[in-house]
């Protein structure tokens, strides 16, 4: 084992699917030609994936569009290379986005189809290769299975809501891929609560497969999902597996250090377009204060705060080093006091809704 702390497990929503309290975010692994200079390529990613599995993590999240499909390929190679027990692991992937072509431009970079307008995508040969149409859902599942080199996907998630496809078409197609045996469960990702409710009720009224999980944006500096989405998840017994639980690294180091970092520079001094606020800075400093007092890292405090919430199943953590794996597992076994949690919660101020685009 990589650490003396043991991983803990829970069920994903009201399903019987057991997952580790930490989910490894595989967006961190891919190919830099896909215009993400910070990703770890295969030779560096594989040892970390092996270490995470040996540390007790069994939950892995990727997507068809991450690094033009390379993220799925790396995860699939880890499963085979290190002989992971397929019965024990939970492999989650997502669809909606186009998978960019791996044809290098004059700068050695691949297509970034996700950043294109719908009109530009269609002109460049991506017609019917994105969205939540029945055709794309079936094609995308088959392509993901090929890249992952697996016979089935444990959790298939829709990456975004598709306003251009009838909800009934999408939900029936998702039900049918489950019935086909290629998918075990389905989940949703960043969208408005009313969109989720309409999709869930469409499935329920027709006796189709319902979503068991929501992958949304939530951390100590962004809690807008608590207004409508999280009550909706409770209504349907859905699990929550949020992305960016450490606010893209902002909650991992002191505010002043982060603002001067290359990471902050690459984010243009914002979090998904929103400038860091005074309230964010106060939250950051409170996390730092608690970390110093308790003798742990800020990352451990930030993840432990996330895990303290009763609606939380497993935050999705990007892991670029083995030390990040150890931190995440320590966070699972680290309990904040009620007073410490309240001291962080009380500093939050509402902000513009983010994460749906």
Foldseek 3Di string as FASTA:
>chain_A
DLDPFAWDWDAFFPDPHIFTQAEAELLLEEDCLQVDVRHHYQVLPLVLVLLLVVRPGQHYEEECARRLNRSLLSQLCSCVVNVDDPVRHAYEYEFAFARWDCDQDPVGHTDNRRPDDPVVCVVVPCVVCGGQALVNVVVSLVVSCVSSVHQAHAEYEYAAHHPVYDLLRRQVSVQVCCVVVRYPAYAYEDDDQVVLVVNQVSCVVVVGGHHQEYEYADFLAADPCVPRPLVSCVVVRHAYAYEPHCLQCCQQDQNVVVCPDPSCVVVVCDRQPHHQDPLNNQLSVLLVVVCVVVVHTSLLSRLLLQVVDPRHRHYHDHDSDSVVSVSNSVSSVDHDDPVSSCSSNVSYDDDDDDDND
